[in-house]
C-alpha cells in the first residue's frame, strides 16, 4: 500500500481526506507543521500533499528542500489561487497545484496521475511517447506515426523536456531556464514562442492536441 504524507494543519481536511484516501487504497500520515514534516522519513512515502500556509512557516520551505534533494513527487494543496503562487509552485518543482475547496475525486485522479508518471519513469528513459509522437533518446530521433520528423537541436531539446514531464504544466520561466542551462545560448521569451510554433508545425496537426498552451502560465504535453 502506497503511503502519502499529508502536510496540513486543518484537522477537518486531514480527517476527511485521510478517510477518503484510505478507502481508495492509500495509507495516510499527517504532519500539521513544517517541523513535523521535516522529521518524517521521506523514504517511507510515495507522494506529498503540501499546504502552503502552516503554523510554523510557509510550505515553500519544504518544497525547496525537497527539490534540492531530488525528493518526492509533491502536489500543492492550498487556498491560494493567485497565478503568481501557481507559477512559483510549479517552478519550484511541484508536480501539480490544486486549490481549495477541491473535490476529493478530482484530487484522487491527480494523485494517481502523478504516481503513474513516477512509476513509468524508468521505463520511459530511452523512449518517450505522447499520442502519435515518439522520441528515441538513444538515437535523438523523433517520429509522428510512421513519419520521421527532422528537428533542430533547440526544437529537440524543448520537445524532450516537455515529454519527460508529460502531463505536467511547465511554466515559461522553467522552460527558458532549462534551455539556457542546457545549451548555453541566450534564449528569450520570444524565442520560446517561435520554437513552440515551429515544433507544432513540424509535428503536424495532431501536435496541437498534444502540446497544449496553458494560458498565462506555460505549456504541457499530454495524450489527446
Protein backbone atom coordinates (compact mmCIF):
# COMPACT_ATOMS: atom_id res chain seq x y z
CA UNK A 1 0.00 0.00 0.00
CA UNK A 2 1.43 3.39 -1.01
CA UNK A 3 1.92 5.93 1.76
CA UNK A 4 1.08 9.61 1.30
CA UNK A 5 2.40 12.37 3.53
CA UNK A 6 -0.29 14.99 4.12
CA UNK A 7 1.22 18.27 5.36
CA UNK A 8 -1.88 20.14 6.55
CA UNK A 9 -2.93 21.91 9.76
CA UNK A 10 -6.69 21.96 9.16
CA UNK A 11 -7.92 18.97 11.17
CA UNK A 12 -11.21 18.78 9.27
CA UNK A 13 -9.39 18.43 5.96
CA UNK A 14 -6.93 15.94 7.46
CA UNK A 15 -9.70 13.72 8.80
CA UNK A 16 -11.95 13.84 5.72
CA UNK A 17 -9.15 13.43 3.18
CA UNK A 18 -7.44 10.68 5.18
CA UNK A 19 -10.64 8.64 5.35
CA UNK A 20 -11.34 9.12 1.65
CA UNK A 21 -7.84 8.21 0.50
CA UNK A 22 -7.68 5.18 2.79
CA UNK A 23 -10.84 3.88 1.15
CA UNK A 24 -9.07 4.39 -2.19
CA UNK A 25 -6.18 2.18 -1.05
CA UNK A 26 -3.63 4.66 0.31
CA UNK A 27 -2.07 4.85 3.76
CA UNK A 28 -2.03 8.42 5.09
CA UNK A 29 0.32 10.02 7.61
CA UNK A 30 -0.28 13.64 8.52
CA UNK A 31 2.03 16.42 9.70
CA UNK A 32 0.47 19.66 10.95
CA UNK A 33 3.70 21.71 10.91
CA UNK A 34 6.86 22.07 8.86
CA UNK A 35 8.90 20.77 11.80
CA UNK A 36 6.90 17.54 11.88
CA UNK A 37 7.06 17.19 8.10
CA UNK A 38 10.85 17.61 8.08
CA UNK A 39 11.12 14.94 10.80
CA UNK A 40 9.34 12.33 8.66
CA UNK A 41 11.32 9.63 6.86
CA UNK A 42 10.74 10.58 3.22
CA UNK A 43 11.75 7.12 2.03
CA UNK A 44 8.53 5.75 3.51
CA UNK A 45 6.32 7.84 1.21
CA UNK A 46 5.35 7.82 -2.44
CA UNK A 47 3.91 11.35 -2.61
CA UNK A 48 3.36 14.53 -0.57
CA UNK A 49 0.21 16.65 -0.36
CA UNK A 50 1.51 20.04 0.78
CA UNK A 51 -0.37 23.02 2.22
CA UNK A 52 1.44 26.35 1.89
CA UNK A 53 0.20 28.15 5.00
CA UNK A 54 1.41 26.27 8.08
CA UNK A 55 1.63 27.35 11.75
CA UNK A 56 5.44 27.47 11.80
CA UNK A 57 6.15 28.74 8.30
CA UNK A 58 5.47 28.50 4.60
CA UNK A 59 5.22 25.28 2.62
CA UNK A 60 7.71 26.77 0.16
CA UNK A 61 10.48 25.76 2.60
CA UNK A 62 9.51 22.09 2.35
CA UNK A 63 9.26 22.33 -1.44
CA UNK A 64 12.69 23.95 -1.69
CA UNK A 65 14.31 21.27 0.48
CA UNK A 66 12.54 18.54 -1.49
CA UNK A 67 13.78 19.95 -4.80
CA UNK A 68 17.39 20.23 -3.63
CA UNK A 69 17.34 16.61 -2.51
CA UNK A 70 15.60 15.44 -5.71
CA UNK A 71 12.90 14.13 -3.42
CA UNK A 72 9.28 13.03 -3.59
CA UNK A 73 6.52 13.99 -6.01
CA UNK A 74 4.58 16.89 -4.50
CA UNK A 75 1.05 18.14 -5.08
CA UNK A 76 0.44 21.56 -3.55
CA UNK A 77 -2.96 21.68 -1.85
CA UNK A 78 -3.80 25.26 -0.89
CA UNK A 79 -6.41 28.01 -0.79
CA UNK A 80 -4.03 30.32 -2.66
CA UNK A 81 -5.25 30.63 -6.22
CA UNK A 82 -3.20 33.62 -7.35
CA UNK A 83 -1.43 32.98 -10.66
CA UNK A 84 1.91 34.05 -9.16
CA UNK A 85 1.67 31.34 -6.48
CA UNK A 86 0.76 28.70 -9.06
CA UNK A 87 3.71 29.65 -11.24
CA UNK A 88 6.05 29.77 -8.24
CA UNK A 89 4.95 26.32 -7.09
CA UNK A 90 5.43 24.73 -10.49
CA UNK A 91 8.77 26.49 -10.98
CA UNK A 92 9.94 25.13 -7.62
CA UNK A 93 9.26 21.58 -8.73
CA UNK A 94 5.72 20.78 -7.64
CA UNK A 95 4.12 18.12 -9.83
CA UNK A 96 0.66 19.64 -9.57
CA UNK A 97 -1.21 22.51 -7.90
CA UNK A 98 -4.73 22.04 -6.52
CA UNK A 99 -6.70 24.88 -4.94
CA UNK A 100 -9.17 24.64 -2.07
CA UNK A 101 -12.03 23.97 -1.97
CA UNK A 102 -11.45 20.85 -4.06
CA UNK A 103 -13.40 17.75 -5.00
CA UNK A 104 -11.89 14.65 -3.40
CA UNK A 105 -12.45 12.59 -6.54
CA UNK A 106 -10.57 15.11 -8.69
CA UNK A 107 -7.68 15.17 -6.22
CA UNK A 108 -7.57 11.36 -6.23
CA UNK A 109 -7.33 11.42 -10.03
CA UNK A 110 -4.44 13.92 -9.83
CA UNK A 111 -2.65 11.73 -7.27
CA UNK A 112 -2.97 8.66 -9.45
CA UNK A 113 -1.73 10.58 -12.49
CA UNK A 114 1.41 11.76 -10.66
CA UNK A 115 2.11 8.26 -9.35
CA UNK A 116 1.67 6.77 -12.83
CA UNK A 117 4.23 9.21 -14.21
CA UNK A 118 6.60 8.37 -11.37
CA UNK A 119 6.17 4.64 -11.89
CA UNK A 120 6.79 4.85 -15.62
CA UNK A 121 9.97 6.92 -15.24
CA UNK A 122 12.47 4.07 -15.56
CA UNK A 123 10.58 2.54 -18.46
CA UNK A 124 10.46 5.83 -20.29
CA UNK A 125 14.15 6.70 -20.01
CA UNK A 126 15.02 5.58 -23.54
CA UNK A 127 11.78 6.04 -25.45
CA UNK A 128 9.12 8.67 -24.84
CA UNK A 129 5.66 8.57 -26.37
CA UNK A 130 2.78 11.06 -26.38
CA UNK A 131 -0.12 10.47 -28.73
CA UNK A 132 1.40 9.54 -32.09
CA UNK A 133 4.68 11.30 -31.26
CA UNK A 134 7.62 9.01 -30.43
CA UNK A 135 11.02 10.28 -29.24
CA UNK A 136 14.02 7.95 -29.14
CA UNK A 137 16.58 9.37 -26.71
CA UNK A 138 19.35 6.98 -27.74
CA UNK A 139 19.12 7.91 -31.42
CA UNK A 140 17.90 11.50 -30.81
CA UNK A 141 15.19 10.92 -33.40
CA UNK A 142 11.51 11.85 -33.44
CA UNK A 143 8.60 10.27 -35.31
CA UNK A 144 4.97 11.14 -35.66
CA UNK A 145 3.20 7.98 -36.77
CA UNK A 146 5.44 6.45 -39.43
CA UNK A 147 6.98 9.79 -40.42
CA UNK A 148 10.38 10.79 -39.10
CA UNK A 149 10.45 14.47 -38.14
CA UNK A 150 13.67 16.47 -38.66
CA UNK A 151 14.16 18.89 -35.76
CA UNK A 152 16.80 21.46 -34.91
CA UNK A 153 18.81 20.95 -31.71
CA UNK A 154 16.73 23.58 -29.92
CA UNK A 155 13.43 22.08 -31.05
CA UNK A 156 14.55 18.61 -29.99
CA UNK A 157 15.67 19.78 -26.54
CA UNK A 158 12.36 21.57 -25.99
CA UNK A 159 10.29 18.57 -27.06
CA UNK A 160 12.45 16.24 -24.95
CA UNK A 161 11.93 18.34 -21.83
CA UNK A 162 8.19 18.59 -22.41
CA UNK A 163 7.82 14.86 -22.98
CA UNK A 164 9.98 13.96 -19.97
CA UNK A 165 7.43 15.94 -17.95
CA UNK A 166 4.36 14.56 -19.73
CA UNK A 167 1.13 15.60 -18.03
CA UNK A 168 2.84 18.33 -16.01
CA UNK A 169 2.46 22.05 -16.71
CA UNK A 170 5.85 23.70 -17.26
CA UNK A 171 5.99 27.45 -16.85
CA UNK A 172 7.59 29.62 -19.50
CA UNK A 173 10.25 30.61 -16.97
CA UNK A 174 11.10 26.96 -16.22
CA UNK A 175 11.42 26.21 -19.95
CA UNK A 176 13.61 29.27 -20.56
CA UNK A 177 15.90 28.32 -17.66
CA UNK A 178 16.14 24.72 -18.93
CA UNK A 179 17.04 25.75 -22.48
CA UNK A 180 19.57 28.29 -21.20
CA UNK A 181 21.21 25.89 -18.74
CA UNK A 182 21.47 23.03 -21.22
CA UNK A 183 22.62 24.70 -24.41
CA UNK A 184 24.41 27.80 -23.12
CA UNK A 185 22.73 30.06 -25.68
CA UNK A 186 20.67 33.09 -24.80
CA UNK A 187 17.00 32.18 -25.05
CA UNK A 188 14.35 34.86 -24.57
CA UNK A 189 10.59 34.66 -24.28
CA UNK A 190 10.01 35.38 -27.97
CA UNK A 191 12.46 32.64 -28.99
CA UNK A 192 10.48 30.16 -26.90
CA UNK A 193 7.21 31.18 -28.57
CA UNK A 194 8.72 30.82 -32.03
CA UNK A 195 10.29 27.44 -31.20
CA UNK A 196 6.95 26.11 -29.93
CA UNK A 197 5.27 27.34 -33.12
CA UNK A 198 7.86 25.68 -35.39
CA UNK A 199 7.75 22.47 -33.35
CA UNK A 200 3.98 22.27 -33.76
CA UNK A 201 4.23 22.93 -37.48
CA UNK A 202 6.82 20.18 -38.00
CA UNK A 203 4.95 17.63 -35.89
CA UNK A 204 1.71 18.30 -37.76
CA UNK A 205 -1.90 18.96 -36.86
CA UNK A 206 -2.10 16.38 -34.06
CA UNK A 207 0.63 18.17 -32.12
CA UNK A 208 -1.86 20.95 -31.36
CA UNK A 209 -3.82 18.42 -29.30
CA UNK A 210 -0.65 17.05 -27.67
CA UNK A 211 1.29 20.26 -26.97
CA UNK A 212 -1.18 22.39 -25.06
CA UNK A 213 -0.85 26.05 -24.16
CA UNK A 214 -1.77 26.78 -20.54
CA UNK A 215 -2.77 30.40 -20.90
CA UNK A 216 -0.74 32.80 -18.79
CA UNK A 217 1.48 30.03 -17.38
CA UNK A 218 3.25 27.86 -19.96
CA UNK A 219 2.88 24.54 -21.81
CA UNK A 220 2.03 20.90 -21.17
CA UNK A 221 2.14 17.77 -23.31
CA UNK A 222 -0.42 15.04 -22.76
CA UNK A 223 -2.15 12.31 -24.73
CA UNK A 224 -5.06 13.77 -26.64
